[in-house]
Amino acid sequence: MKAIHTAPERKWTVADLAVEAAASRSLLDGRFRNVLGLSPIRYVNEWRMRVAQDLLATTEVTVAAIARRVGYDSEEAFSRAFKRAHGQSPSLWRAGHSAIWSSESAPAMRPATQQPR
């Protein structure tokens, strides 16, 4: 998970993650499903959305830049994925949320770049 948290923009595959974890793909998949209840790729996608939420709530970075930061090649693809996950576009979500989202989030739910020191 550290690799995912460190580089959410990377085009992760299960094979890439297995190499990072020094495990077989099937062992890695089983671990993720047993511990998190998610496949590795689903976890990657959910983590990307958490990072995107944090950036939307706490910065003025453009949606296009956030899309690239979390691994999407286009703003449109990111916006579709975000809307699928949250029911509204990134811009609308941002308008309804403030920096309070990040400060009230449990530390475990914050992207690694936002962990308190």
PDB file of N, CA and C in Angstrom:
ATOM      1  N   MET A   1       0.823  -1.189   0.000  1.00  0.00           N
ATOM      2  CA  MET A   1       0.000   0.000   0.000  1.00  0.00           C
ATOM      3  C   MET A   1       0.867   1.252   0.000  1.00  0.00           C
ATOM      4  N   LYS A   2       2.041   1.166   0.570  1.00  0.00           N
ATOM      5  CA  LYS A   2       2.922   2.327   0.588  1.00  0.00           C
ATOM      6  C   LYS A   2       3.220   2.808  -0.823  1.00  0.00           C
ATOM      7  N   ALA A   3       3.444   1.890  -1.740  1.00  0.00           N
ATOM      8  CA  ALA A   3       3.729   2.257  -3.126  1.00  0.00           C
ATOM      9  C   ALA A   3       2.540   2.990  -3.747  1.00  0.00           C
ATOM     10  N   ILE A   4       1.350   2.533  -3.473  1.00  0.00           N
ATOM     11  CA  ILE A   4       0.139   3.179  -3.987  1.00  0.00           C
ATOM     12  C   ILE A   4       0.022   4.576  -3.405  1.00  0.00           C
ATOM     13  N   HIS A   5       0.218   4.691  -2.107  1.00  0.00           N
ATOM     14  CA  HIS A   5       0.091   5.986  -1.436  1.00  0.00           C
ATOM     15  C   HIS A   5       1.155   6.974  -1.900  1.00  0.00           C
ATOM     16  N   THR A   6       2.337   6.463  -2.201  1.00  0.00           N
ATOM     17  CA  THR A   6       3.440   7.315  -2.632  1.00  0.00           C
ATOM     18  C   THR A   6       3.260   7.789  -4.073  1.00  0.00           C
ATOM     19  N   ALA A   7       2.682   6.950  -4.920  1.00  0.00           N
ATOM     20  CA  ALA A   7       2.574   7.280  -6.352  1.00  0.00           C
ATOM     21  C   ALA A   7       1.188   6.943  -6.899  1.00  0.00           C
ATOM     22  N   PRO A   8       0.144   7.650  -6.462  1.00  0.00           N
ATOM     23  CA  PRO A   8      -1.193   7.328  -6.970  1.00  0.00           C
ATOM     24  C   PRO A   8      -1.340   7.597  -8.468  1.00  0.00           C
ATOM     25  N   GLU A   9      -0.455   8.429  -9.018  1.00  0.00           N
ATOM     26  CA  GLU A   9      -0.534   8.753 -10.443  1.00  0.00           C
ATOM     27  C   GLU A   9       0.000   7.651 -11.345  1.00  0.00           C
ATOM     28  N   ARG A  10       0.711   6.697 -10.781  1.00  0.00           N
ATOM     29  CA  ARG A  10       1.291   5.615 -11.578  1.00  0.00           C
ATOM     30  C   ARG A  10       0.203   4.726 -12.149  1.00  0.00           C
ATOM     31  N   LYS A  11       0.429   4.225 -13.341  1.00  0.00           N
ATOM     32  CA  LYS A  11      -0.520   3.317 -14.001  1.00  0.00           C
ATOM     33  C   LYS A  11      -0.344   1.916 -13.414  1.00  0.00           C
ATOM     34  N   TRP A  12      -0.885   1.697 -12.228  1.00  0.00           N
ATOM     35  CA  TRP A  12      -0.696   0.445 -11.509  1.00  0.00           C
ATOM     36  C   TRP A  12      -1.418  -0.709 -12.168  1.00  0.00           C
ATOM     37  N   THR A  13      -0.755  -1.865 -12.174  1.00  0.00           N
ATOM     38  CA  THR A  13      -1.384  -3.133 -12.518  1.00  0.00           C
ATOM     39  C   THR A  13      -1.180  -4.050 -11.316  1.00  0.00           C
ATOM     40  N   VAL A  14      -1.937  -5.122 -11.266  1.00  0.00           N
ATOM     41  CA  VAL A  14      -1.744  -6.078 -10.175  1.00  0.00           C
ATOM     42  C   VAL A  14      -0.325  -6.642 -10.231  1.00  0.00           C
ATOM     43  N   ALA A  15       0.178  -6.859 -11.419  1.00  0.00           N
ATOM     44  CA  ALA A  15       1.549  -7.375 -11.559  1.00  0.00           C
ATOM     45  C   ALA A  15       2.563  -6.386 -10.983  1.00  0.00           C
ATOM     46  N   ASP A  16       2.398  -5.097 -11.262  1.00  0.00           N
ATOM     47  CA  ASP A  16       3.293  -4.076 -10.704  1.00  0.00           C
ATOM     48  C   ASP A  16       3.240  -4.073  -9.175  1.00  0.00           C
ATOM     49  N   LEU A  17       2.036  -4.132  -8.656  1.00  0.00           N
ATOM     50  CA  LEU A  17       1.870  -4.121  -7.199  1.00  0.00           C
ATOM     51  C   LEU A  17       2.480  -5.367  -6.567  1.00  0.00           C
ATOM     52  N   ALA A  18       2.329  -6.504  -7.229  1.00  0.00           N
ATOM     53  CA  ALA A  18       2.899  -7.751  -6.718  1.00  0.00           C
ATOM     54  C   ALA A  18       4.421  -7.662  -6.661  1.00  0.00           C
ATOM     55  N   VAL A  19       5.029  -7.067  -7.685  1.00  0.00           N
ATOM     56  CA  VAL A  19       6.481  -6.886  -7.675  1.00  0.00           C
ATOM     57  C   VAL A  19       6.878  -6.000  -6.496  1.00  0.00           C
ATOM     58  N   GLU A  20       6.168  -4.894  -6.295  1.00  0.00           N
ATOM     59  CA  GLU A  20       6.461  -3.981  -5.179  1.00  0.00           C
ATOM     60  C   GLU A  20       6.343  -4.697  -3.826  1.00  0.00           C
ATOM     61  N   ALA A  21       5.377  -5.591  -3.725  1.00  0.00           N
ATOM     62  CA  ALA A  21       5.126  -6.299  -2.466  1.00  0.00           C
ATOM     63  C   ALA A  21       5.935  -7.579  -2.334  1.00  0.00           C
ATOM     64  N   ALA A  22       6.683  -7.922  -3.356  1.00  0.00           N
ATOM     65  CA  ALA A  22       7.450  -9.174  -3.373  1.00  0.00           C
ATOM     66  C   ALA A  22       6.537 -10.366  -3.089  1.00  0.00           C
ATOM     67  N   ALA A  23       5.414 -10.399  -3.803  1.00  0.00           N
ATOM     68  CA  ALA A  23       4.427 -11.468  -3.641  1.00  0.00           C
ATOM     69  C   ALA A  23       3.879 -11.828  -5.017  1.00  0.00           C
ATOM     70  N   SER A  24       3.257 -12.975  -5.094  1.00  0.00           N
ATOM     71  CA  SER A  24       2.597 -13.338  -6.347  1.00  0.00           C
ATOM     72  C   SER A  24       1.327 -12.495  -6.500  1.00  0.00           C
ATOM     73  N   ARG A  25       0.834 -12.411  -7.718  1.00  0.00           N
ATOM     74  CA  ARG A  25      -0.400 -11.654  -7.953  1.00  0.00           C
ATOM     75  C   ARG A  25      -1.564 -12.239  -7.171  1.00  0.00           C
ATOM     76  N   SER A  26      -1.655 -13.565  -7.144  1.00  0.00           N
ATOM     77  CA  SER A  26      -2.783 -14.187  -6.439  1.00  0.00           C
ATOM     78  C   SER A  26      -2.674 -13.990  -4.929  1.00  0.00           C
ATOM     79  N   LEU A  27      -1.455 -14.070  -4.390  1.00  0.00           N
ATOM     80  CA  LEU A  27      -1.271 -13.832  -2.959  1.00  0.00           C
ATOM     81  C   LEU A  27      -1.609 -12.388  -2.610  1.00  0.00           C
ATOM     82  N   LEU A  28      -1.153 -11.447  -3.416  1.00  0.00           N
ATOM     83  CA  LEU A  28      -1.448 -10.035  -3.180  1.00  0.00           C
ATOM     84  C   LEU A  28      -2.953  -9.786  -3.231  1.00  0.00           C
ATOM     85  N   ASP A  29      -3.601 -10.324  -4.253  1.00  0.00           N
ATOM     86  CA  ASP A  29      -5.049 -10.157  -4.382  1.00  0.00           C
ATOM     87  C   ASP A  29      -5.768 -10.722  -3.155  1.00  0.00           C
ATOM     88  N   GLY A  30      -5.365 -11.891  -2.728  1.00  0.00           N
ATOM     89  CA  GLY A  30      -5.978 -12.501  -1.548  1.00  0.00           C
ATOM     90  C   GLY A  30      -5.780 -11.676  -0.291  1.00  0.00           C
ATOM     91  N   ARG A  31      -4.583 -11.134  -0.115  1.00  0.00           N
ATOM     92  CA  ARG A  31      -4.313 -10.287   1.054  1.00  0.00           C
ATOM     93  C   ARG A  31      -5.198  -9.043   1.051  1.00  0.00           C
ATOM     94  N   PHE A  32      -5.275  -8.378  -0.087  1.00  0.00           N
ATOM     95  CA  PHE A  32      -6.114  -7.183  -0.179  1.00  0.00           C
ATOM     96  C   PHE A  32      -7.559  -7.515   0.135  1.00  0.00           C
ATOM     97  N   ARG A  33      -8.056  -8.578  -0.459  1.00  0.00           N
ATOM     98  CA  ARG A  33      -9.458  -8.934  -0.244  1.00  0.00           C
ATOM     99  C   ARG A  33      -9.728  -9.343   1.202  1.00  0.00           C
ATOM    100  N   ASN A  34      -8.786 -10.074   1.816  1.00  0.00           N
ATOM    101  CA  ASN A  34      -8.973 -10.496   3.209  1.00  0.00           C
ATOM    102  C   ASN A  34      -8.885  -9.334   4.185  1.00  0.00           C
ATOM    103  N   VAL A  35      -7.950  -8.433   3.975  1.00  0.00           N
ATOM    104  CA  VAL A  35      -7.726  -7.331   4.918  1.00  0.00           C
ATOM    105  C   VAL A  35      -8.652  -6.151   4.643  1.00  0.00           C
ATOM    106  N   LEU A  36      -8.794  -5.774   3.384  1.00  0.00           N
ATOM    107  CA  LEU A  36      -9.540  -4.564   3.044  1.00  0.00           C
ATOM    108  C   LEU A  36     -10.914  -4.820   2.432  1.00  0.00           C
ATOM    109  N   GLY A  37     -11.136  -6.057   1.982  1.00  0.00           N
ATOM    110  CA  GLY A  37     -12.396  -6.357   1.324  1.00  0.00           C
ATOM    111  C   GLY A  37     -12.477  -5.802  -0.091  1.00  0.00           C
ATOM    112  N   LEU A  38     -11.324  -5.447  -0.653  1.00  0.00           N
ATOM    113  CA  LEU A  38     -11.259  -4.870  -1.993  1.00  0.00           C
ATOM    114  C   LEU A  38     -10.160  -5.534  -2.796  1.00  0.00           C
ATOM    115  N   SER A  39     -10.312  -5.521  -4.110  1.00  0.00           N
ATOM    116  CA  SER A  39      -9.209  -5.956  -4.958  1.00  0.00           C
ATOM    117  C   SER A  39      -8.139  -4.865  -4.951  1.00  0.00           C
ATOM    118  N   PRO A  40      -6.914  -5.194  -5.300  1.00  0.00           N
ATOM    119  CA  PRO A  40      -5.865  -4.170  -5.326  1.00  0.00           C
ATOM    120  C   PRO A  40      -6.198  -2.981  -6.235  1.00  0.00           C
ATOM    121  N   ILE A  41      -6.733  -3.249  -7.403  1.00  0.00           N
ATOM    122  CA  ILE A  41      -7.034  -2.159  -8.334  1.00  0.00           C
ATOM    123  C   ILE A  41      -8.195  -1.314  -7.821  1.00  0.00           C
ATOM    124  N   ARG A  42      -9.156  -1.927  -7.202  1.00  0.00           N
ATOM    125  CA  ARG A  42     -10.254  -1.143  -6.597  1.00  0.00           C
ATOM    126  C   ARG A  42      -9.706  -0.246  -5.500  1.00  0.00           C
ATOM    127  N   TYR A  43      -8.773  -0.752  -4.702  1.00  0.00           N
ATOM    128  CA  TYR A  43      -8.156   0.072  -3.667  1.00  0.00           C
ATOM    129  C   TYR A  43      -7.408   1.245  -4.300  1.00  0.00           C
ATOM    130  N   VAL A  44      -6.665   0.994  -5.374  1.00  0.00           N
ATOM    131  CA  VAL A  44      -5.956   2.072  -6.070  1.00  0.00           C
ATOM    132  C   VAL A  44      -6.948   3.154  -6.479  1.00  0.00           C
ATOM    133  N   ASN A  45      -8.051   2.761  -7.081  1.00  0.00           N
ATOM    134  CA  ASN A  45      -9.044   3.732  -7.536  1.00  0.00           C
ATOM    135  C   ASN A  45      -9.661   4.498  -6.377  1.00  0.00           C
ATOM    136  N   GLU A  46      -9.964   3.817  -5.285  1.00  0.00           N
ATOM    137  CA  GLU A  46     -10.536   4.502  -4.128  1.00  0.00           C
ATOM    138  C   GLU A  46      -9.518   5.451  -3.494  1.00  0.00           C
ATOM    139  N   TRP A  47      -8.265   5.048  -3.442  1.00  0.00           N
ATOM    140  CA  TRP A  47      -7.228   5.925  -2.902  1.00  0.00           C
ATOM    141  C   TRP A  47      -7.088   7.186  -3.764  1.00  0.00           C
ATOM    142  N   ARG A  48      -7.112   6.992  -5.073  1.00  0.00           N
ATOM    143  CA  ARG A  48      -7.030   8.144  -5.975  1.00  0.00           C
ATOM    144  C   ARG A  48      -8.167   9.127  -5.708  1.00  0.00           C
ATOM    145  N   MET A  49      -9.348   8.622  -5.479  1.00  0.00           N
ATOM    146  CA  MET A  49     -10.484   9.499  -5.198  1.00  0.00           C
ATOM    147  C   MET A  49     -10.306  10.225  -3.853  1.00  0.00           C
ATOM    148  N   ARG A  50      -9.729   9.562  -2.871  1.00  0.00           N
ATOM    149  CA  ARG A  50      -9.449  10.229  -1.589  1.00  0.00           C
ATOM    150  C   ARG A  50      -8.437  11.351  -1.759  1.00  0.00           C
ATOM    151  N   VAL A  51      -7.389  11.074  -2.517  1.00  0.00           N
ATOM    152  CA  VAL A  51      -6.378  12.108  -2.782  1.00  0.00           C
ATOM    153  C   VAL A  51      -7.040  13.268  -3.519  1.00  0.00           C
ATOM    154  N   ALA A  52      -7.845  12.961  -4.523  1.00  0.00           N
ATOM    155  CA  ALA A  52      -8.529  14.002  -5.289  1.00  0.00           C
ATOM    156  C   ALA A  52      -9.450  14.821  -4.392  1.00  0.00           C
ATOM    157  N   GLN A  53     -10.215  14.172  -3.528  1.00  0.00           N
ATOM    158  CA  GLN A  53     -11.082  14.897  -2.594  1.00  0.00           C
ATOM    159  C   GLN A  53     -10.266  15.858  -1.738  1.00  0.00           C
ATOM    160  N   ASP A  54      -9.173  15.382  -1.213  1.00  0.00           N
ATOM    161  CA  ASP A  54      -8.344  16.221  -0.355  1.00  0.00           C
ATOM    162  C   ASP A  54      -7.828  17.432  -1.131  1.00  0.00           C
ATOM    163  N   LEU A  55      -7.340  17.209  -2.345  1.00  0.00           N
ATOM    164  CA  LEU A  55      -6.834  18.312  -3.160  1.00  0.00           C
ATOM    165  C   LEU A  55      -7.947  19.292  -3.526  1.00  0.00           C
ATOM    166  N   LEU A  56      -9.118  18.789  -3.849  1.00  0.00           N
ATOM    167  CA  LEU A  56     -10.242  19.659  -4.173  1.00  0.00           C
ATOM    168  C   LEU A  56     -10.671  20.500  -2.973  1.00  0.00           C
ATOM    169  N   ALA A  57     -10.647  19.898  -1.802  1.00  0.00           N
ATOM    170  CA  ALA A  57     -11.119  20.582  -0.602  1.00  0.00           C
ATOM    171  C   ALA A  57     -10.107  21.548  -0.013  1.00  0.00           C
ATOM    172  N   THR A  58      -8.831  21.326  -0.273  1.00  0.00           N
ATOM    173  CA  THR A  58      -7.816  22.098   0.455  1.00  0.00           C
ATOM    174  C   THR A  58      -6.910  22.948  -0.420  1.00  0.00           C
ATOM    175  N   THR A  59      -7.085  22.887  -1.744  1.00  0.00           N
ATOM    176  CA  THR A  59      -6.216  23.655  -2.632  1.00  0.00           C
ATOM    177  C   THR A  59      -7.050  24.326  -3.713  1.00  0.00           C
ATOM    178  N   GLU A  60      -6.411  25.186  -4.461  1.00  0.00           N
ATOM    179  CA  GLU A  60      -7.035  25.815  -5.628  1.00  0.00           C
ATOM    180  C   GLU A  60      -6.482  25.215  -6.920  1.00  0.00           C
ATOM    181  N   VAL A  61      -5.823  24.063  -6.815  1.00  0.00           N
ATOM    182  CA  VAL A  61      -5.267  23.385  -7.979  1.00  0.00           C
ATOM    183  C   VAL A  61      -6.411  23.084  -8.954  1.00  0.00           C
ATOM    184  N   THR A  62      -6.158  23.249 -10.242  1.00  0.00           N
ATOM    185  CA  THR A  62      -7.206  23.007 -11.231  1.00  0.00           C
ATOM    186  C   THR A  62      -7.613  21.538 -11.255  1.00  0.00           C
ATOM    187  N   VAL A  63      -8.818  21.309 -11.715  1.00  0.00           N
ATOM    188  CA  VAL A  63      -9.310  19.932 -11.837  1.00  0.00           C
ATOM    189  C   VAL A  63      -8.419  19.148 -12.797  1.00  0.00           C
ATOM    190  N   ALA A  64      -7.960  19.783 -13.863  1.00  0.00           N
ATOM    191  CA  ALA A  64      -7.077  19.099 -14.821  1.00  0.00           C
ATOM    192  C   ALA A  64      -5.777  18.672 -14.149  1.00  0.00           C
ATOM    193  N   ALA A  65      -5.199  19.528 -13.324  1.00  0.00           N
ATOM    194  CA  ALA A  65      -3.951  19.189 -12.630  1.00  0.00           C
ATOM    195  C   ALA A  65      -4.186  18.081 -11.607  1.00  0.00           C
ATOM    196  N   ILE A  66      -5.312  18.122 -10.925  1.00  0.00           N
ATOM    197  CA  ILE A  66      -5.648  17.063  -9.966  1.00  0.00           C
ATOM    198  C   ILE A  66      -5.812  15.741 -10.706  1.00  0.00           C
ATOM    199  N   ALA A  67      -6.461  15.795 -11.854  1.00  0.00           N
ATOM    200  CA  ALA A  67      -6.645  14.574 -12.658  1.00  0.00           C
ATOM    201  C   ALA A  67      -5.297  13.931 -12.942  1.00  0.00           C
ATOM    202  N   ARG A  68      -4.328  14.721 -13.393  1.00  0.00           N
ATOM    203  CA  ARG A  68      -2.989  14.175 -13.674  1.00  0.00           C
ATOM    204  C   ARG A  68      -2.325  13.676 -12.399  1.00  0.00           C
ATOM    205  N   ARG A  69      -2.496  14.410 -11.305  1.00  0.00           N
ATOM    206  CA  ARG A  69      -1.856  14.041 -10.026  1.00  0.00           C
ATOM    207  C   ARG A  69      -2.330  12.689  -9.521  1.00  0.00           C
ATOM    208  N   VAL A  70      -3.563  12.327  -9.846  1.00  0.00           N
ATOM    209  CA  VAL A  70      -4.104  11.054  -9.361  1.00  0.00           C
ATOM    210  C   VAL A  70      -4.187   9.982 -10.445  1.00  0.00           C
ATOM    211  N   GLY A  71      -3.486  10.204 -11.566  1.00  0.00           N
ATOM    212  CA  GLY A  71      -3.324   9.121 -12.522  1.00  0.00           C
ATOM    213  C   GLY A  71      -4.245   9.082 -13.717  1.00  0.00           C
ATOM    214  N   TYR A  72      -4.947  10.165 -13.994  1.00  0.00           N
ATOM    215  CA  TYR A  72      -5.814  10.192 -15.170  1.00  0.00           C
ATOM    216  C   TYR A  72      -5.139  10.969 -16.289  1.00  0.00           C
ATOM    217  N   ASP A  73      -5.286  10.485 -17.501  1.00  0.00           N
ATOM    218  CA  ASP A  73      -4.682  11.138 -18.657  1.00  0.00           C
ATOM    219  C   ASP A  73      -5.470  12.358 -19.111  1.00  0.00           C
ATOM    220  N   SER A  74      -6.751  12.418 -18.752  1.00  0.00           N
ATOM    221  CA  SER A  74      -7.562  13.556 -19.171  1.00  0.00           C
ATOM    222  C   SER A  74      -8.481  13.998 -18.038  1.00  0.00           C
ATOM    223  N   GLU A  75      -8.797  15.280 -18.071  1.00  0.00           N
ATOM    224  CA  GLU A  75      -9.732  15.837 -17.101  1.00  0.00           C
ATOM    225  C   GLU A  75     -11.107  15.192 -17.262  1.00  0.00           C
ATOM    226  N   GLU A  76     -11.477  14.893 -18.477  1.00  0.00           N
ATOM    227  CA  GLU A  76     -12.792  14.310 -18.742  1.00  0.00           C
ATOM    228  C   GLU A  76     -12.924  12.918 -18.122  1.00  0.00           C
ATOM    229  N   ALA A  77     -11.905  12.093 -18.292  1.00  0.00           N
ATOM    230  CA  ALA A  77     -11.942  10.749 -17.710  1.00  0.00           C
ATOM    231  C   ALA A  77     -11.998  10.829 -16.185  1.00  0.00           C
ATOM    232  N   PHE A  78     -11.196  11.728 -15.616  1.00  0.00           N
ATOM    233  CA  PHE A  78     -11.221  11.913 -14.164  1.00  0.00           C
ATOM    234  C   PHE A  78     -12.601  12.387 -13.715  1.00  0.00           C
ATOM    235  N   SER A  79     -13.155  13.368 -14.405  1.00  0.00           N
ATOM    236  CA  SER A  79     -14.461  13.902 -14.011  1.00  0.00           C
ATOM    237  C   SER A  79     -15.544  12.832 -14.058  1.00  0.00           C
ATOM    238  N   ARG A  80     -15.506  11.973 -15.073  1.00  0.00           N
ATOM    239  CA  ARG A  80     -16.482  10.876 -15.152  1.00  0.00           C
ATOM    240  C   ARG A  80     -16.317   9.917 -13.977  1.00  0.00           C
ATOM    241  N   ALA A  81     -15.071   9.544 -13.671  1.00  0.00           N
ATOM    242  CA  ALA A  81     -14.818   8.626 -12.555  1.00  0.00           C
ATOM    243  C   ALA A  81     -15.224   9.265 -11.224  1.00  0.00           C
ATOM    244  N   PHE A  82     -14.912  10.536 -11.047  1.00  0.00           N
ATOM    245  CA  PHE A  82     -15.265  11.222  -9.807  1.00  0.00           C
ATOM    246  C   PHE A  82     -16.790  11.300  -9.656  1.00  0.00           C
ATOM    247  N   LYS A  83     -17.468  11.633 -10.727  1.00  0.00           N
ATOM    248  CA  LYS A  83     -18.930  11.716 -10.673  1.00  0.00           C
ATOM    249  C   LYS A  83     -19.546  10.354 -10.373  1.00  0.00           C
ATOM    250  N   ARG A  84     -18.990   9.305 -10.954  1.00  0.00           N
ATOM    251  CA  ARG A  84     -19.464   7.944 -10.674  1.00  0.00           C
ATOM    252  C   ARG A  84     -19.298   7.616  -9.193  1.00  0.00           C
ATOM    253  N   ALA A  85     -18.180   8.043  -8.612  1.00  0.00           N
ATOM    254  CA  ALA A  85     -17.888   7.734  -7.208  1.00  0.00           C
ATOM    255  C   ALA A  85     -18.640   8.632  -6.226  1.00  0.00           C
ATOM    256  N   HIS A  86     -18.890   9.889  -6.608  1.00  0.00           N
ATOM    257  CA  HIS A  86     -19.425  10.866  -5.646  1.00  0.00           C
ATOM    258  C   HIS A  86     -20.752  11.493  -6.040  1.00  0.00           C
ATOM    259  N   GLY A  87     -21.262  11.141  -7.211  1.00  0.00           N
ATOM    260  CA  GLY A  87     -22.570  11.648  -7.600  1.00  0.00           C
ATOM    261  C   GLY A  87     -22.587  13.070  -8.129  1.00  0.00           C
ATOM    262  N   GLN A  88     -21.440  13.709  -8.214  1.00  0.00           N
ATOM    263  CA  GLN A  88     -21.367  15.046  -8.784  1.00  0.00           C
ATOM    264  C   GLN A  88     -19.970  15.297  -9.321  1.00  0.00           C
ATOM    265  N   SER A  89     -19.875  16.290 -10.180  1.00  0.00           N
ATOM    266  CA  SER A  89     -18.588  16.591 -10.798  1.00  0.00           C
ATOM    267  C   SER A  89     -17.602  17.111  -9.756  1.00  0.00           C
ATOM    268  N   PRO A  90     -16.310  17.037 -10.060  1.00  0.00           N
ATOM    269  CA  PRO A  90     -15.318  17.574  -9.118  1.00  0.00           C
ATOM    270  C   PRO A  90     -15.550  19.048  -8.797  1.00  0.00           C
ATOM    271  N   SER A  91     -15.915  19.839  -9.778  1.00  0.00           N
ATOM    272  CA  SER A  91     -16.135  21.270  -9.539  1.00  0.00           C
ATOM    273  C   SER A  91     -17.312  21.506  -8.601  1.00  0.00           C
ATOM    274  N   LEU A  92     -18.396  20.783  -8.813  1.00  0.00           N
ATOM    275  CA  LEU A  92     -19.543  20.930  -7.909  1.00  0.00           C
ATOM    276  C   LEU A  92     -19.208  20.426  -6.509  1.00  0.00           C
ATOM    277  N   TRP A  93     -18.495  19.306  -6.431  1.00  0.00           N
ATOM    278  CA  TRP A  93     -18.108  18.782  -5.127  1.00  0.00           C
ATOM    279  C   TRP A  93     -17.247  19.806  -4.391  1.00  0.00           C
ATOM    280  N   ARG A  94     -16.283  20.394  -5.105  1.00  0.00           N
ATOM    281  CA  ARG A  94     -15.390  21.404  -4.510  1.00  0.00           C
ATOM    282  C   ARG A  94     -16.196  22.580  -3.975  1.00  0.00           C
ATOM    283  N   ALA A  95     -17.180  23.033  -4.741  1.00  0.00           N
ATOM    284  CA  ALA A  95     -17.978  24.182  -4.329  1.00  0.00           C
ATOM    285  C   ALA A  95     -18.719  23.918  -3.021  1.00  0.00           C
ATOM    286  N   GLY A  96     -19.052  22.668  -2.767  1.00  0.00           N
ATOM    287  CA  GLY A  96     -19.792  22.325  -1.565  1.00  0.00           C
ATOM    288  C   GLY A  96     -18.941  21.906  -0.378  1.00  0.00           C
ATOM    289  N   HIS A  97     -17.626  21.912  -0.532  1.00  0.00           N
ATOM    290  CA  HIS A  97     -16.730  21.470   0.534  1.00  0.00           C
ATOM    291  C   HIS A  97     -15.630  22.499   0.748  1.00  0.00           C
ATOM    292  N   SER A  98     -15.094  22.506   1.939  1.00  0.00           N
ATOM    293  CA  SER A  98     -14.041  23.479   2.252  1.00  0.00           C
ATOM    294  C   SER A  98     -12.845  22.771   2.857  1.00  0.00           C
ATOM    295  N   ALA A  99     -11.879  23.538   3.285  1.00  0.00           N
ATOM    296  CA  ALA A  99     -10.684  22.989   3.924  1.00  0.00           C
ATOM    297  C   ALA A  99     -11.029  22.233   5.197  1.00  0.00           C
ATOM    298  N   ILE A 100     -12.194  22.450   5.736  1.00  0.00           N
ATOM    299  CA  ILE A 100     -12.615  21.744   6.952  1.00  0.00           C
ATOM    300  C   ILE A 100     -12.639  20.245   6.714  1.00  0.00           C
ATOM    301  N   TRP A 101     -12.968  19.804   5.476  1.00  0.00           N
ATOM    302  CA  TRP A 101     -13.015  18.366   5.178  1.00  0.00           C
ATOM    303  C   TRP A 101     -11.724  17.700   5.581  1.00  0.00           C
ATOM    304  N   SER A 102     -10.602  18.274   5.212  1.00  0.00           N
ATOM    305  CA  SER A 102      -9.311  17.663   5.505  1.00  0.00           C
ATOM    306  C   SER A 102      -9.003  17.682   6.989  1.00  0.00           C
ATOM    307  N   SER A 103      -9.266  18.791   7.653  1.00  0.00           N
ATOM    308  CA  SER A 103      -8.907  18.900   9.059  1.00  0.00           C
ATOM    309  C   SER A 103      -9.791  18.039   9.948  1.00  0.00           C
ATOM    310  N   GLU A 104     -10.992  17.722   9.501  1.00  0.00           N
ATOM    311  CA  GLU A 104     -11.879  16.890  10.302  1.00  0.00           C
ATOM    312  C   GLU A 104     -11.748  15.413   9.985  1.00  0.00           C
ATOM    313  N   SER A 105     -11.073  15.074   8.897  1.00  0.00           N
ATOM    314  CA  SER A 105     -10.913  13.675   8.515  1.00  0.00           C
ATOM    315  C   SER A 105     -10.011  12.967   9.505  1.00  0.00           C
ATOM    316  N   ALA A 106     -10.308  11.712   9.725  1.00  0.00           N
ATOM    317  CA  ALA A 106      -9.416  10.912  10.558  1.00  0.00           C
ATOM    318  C   ALA A 106      -8.070  10.811   9.862  1.00  0.00           C
ATOM    319  N   PRO A 107      -6.959  10.856  10.597  1.00  0.00           N
ATOM    320  CA  PRO A 107      -5.640  10.785   9.960  1.00  0.00           C
ATOM    321  C   PRO A 107      -5.481   9.596   9.028  1.00  0.00           C
ATOM    322  N   ALA A 108      -6.073   8.470   9.345  1.00  0.00           N
ATOM    323  CA  ALA A 108      -5.919   7.278   8.512  1.00  0.00           C
ATOM    324  C   ALA A 108      -6.594   7.452   7.149  1.00  0.00           C
ATOM    325  N   MET A 109      -7.542   8.363   7.046  1.00  0.00           N
ATOM    326  CA  MET A 109      -8.251   8.574   5.802  1.00  0.00           C
ATOM    327  C   MET A 109      -7.586   9.642   4.941  1.00  0.00           C
ATOM    328  N   ARG A 110      -6.608  10.362   5.473  1.00  0.00           N
ATOM    329  CA  ARG A 110      -5.934  11.397   4.701  1.00  0.00           C
ATOM    330  C   ARG A 110      -4.883  10.782   3.802  1.00  0.00           C
ATOM    331  N   PRO A 111      -4.701  11.364   2.623  1.00  0.00           N
ATOM    332  CA  PRO A 111      -3.593  10.905   1.781  1.00  0.00           C
ATOM    333  C   PRO A 111      -2.281  11.060   2.518  1.00  0.00           C
ATOM    334  N   ALA A 112      -1.320  10.225   2.199  1.00  0.00           N
ATOM    335  CA  ALA A 112      -0.033  10.226   2.883  1.00  0.00           C
ATOM    336  C   ALA A 112       0.623  11.593   2.862  1.00  0.00           C
ATOM    337  N   THR A 113       0.397  12.366   1.820  1.00  0.00           N
ATOM    338  CA  THR A 113       0.989  13.689   1.730  1.00  0.00           C
ATOM    339  C   THR A 113       0.378  14.655   2.737  1.00  0.00           C
ATOM    340  N   GLN A 114      -0.734  14.263   3.339  1.00  0.00           N
ATOM    341  CA  GLN A 114      -1.433  15.141   4.274  1.00  0.00           C
ATOM    342  C   GLN A 114      -1.365  14.630   5.717  1.00  0.00           C
ATOM    343  N   GLN A 115      -0.608  13.584   5.965  1.00  0.00           N
ATOM    344  CA  GLN A 115      -0.517  13.050   7.321  1.00  0.00           C
ATOM    345  C   GLN A 115       0.138  14.075   8.234  1.00  0.00           C
ATOM    346  N   PRO A 116      -0.367  14.238   9.468  1.00  0.00           N
ATOM    347  CA  PRO A 116       0.269  15.164  10.404  1.00  0.00           C
ATOM    348  C   PRO A 116       1.677  14.676  10.734  1.00  0.00           C
ATOM    349  N   ARG A 117       2.559  15.598  11.014  1.00  0.00           N
ATOM    350  CA  ARG A 117       3.944  15.238  11.331  1.00  0.00           C
ATOM    351  C   ARG A 117       4.214  15.374  12.787  1.00  0.00           C
TER     352      ARG A 117
END
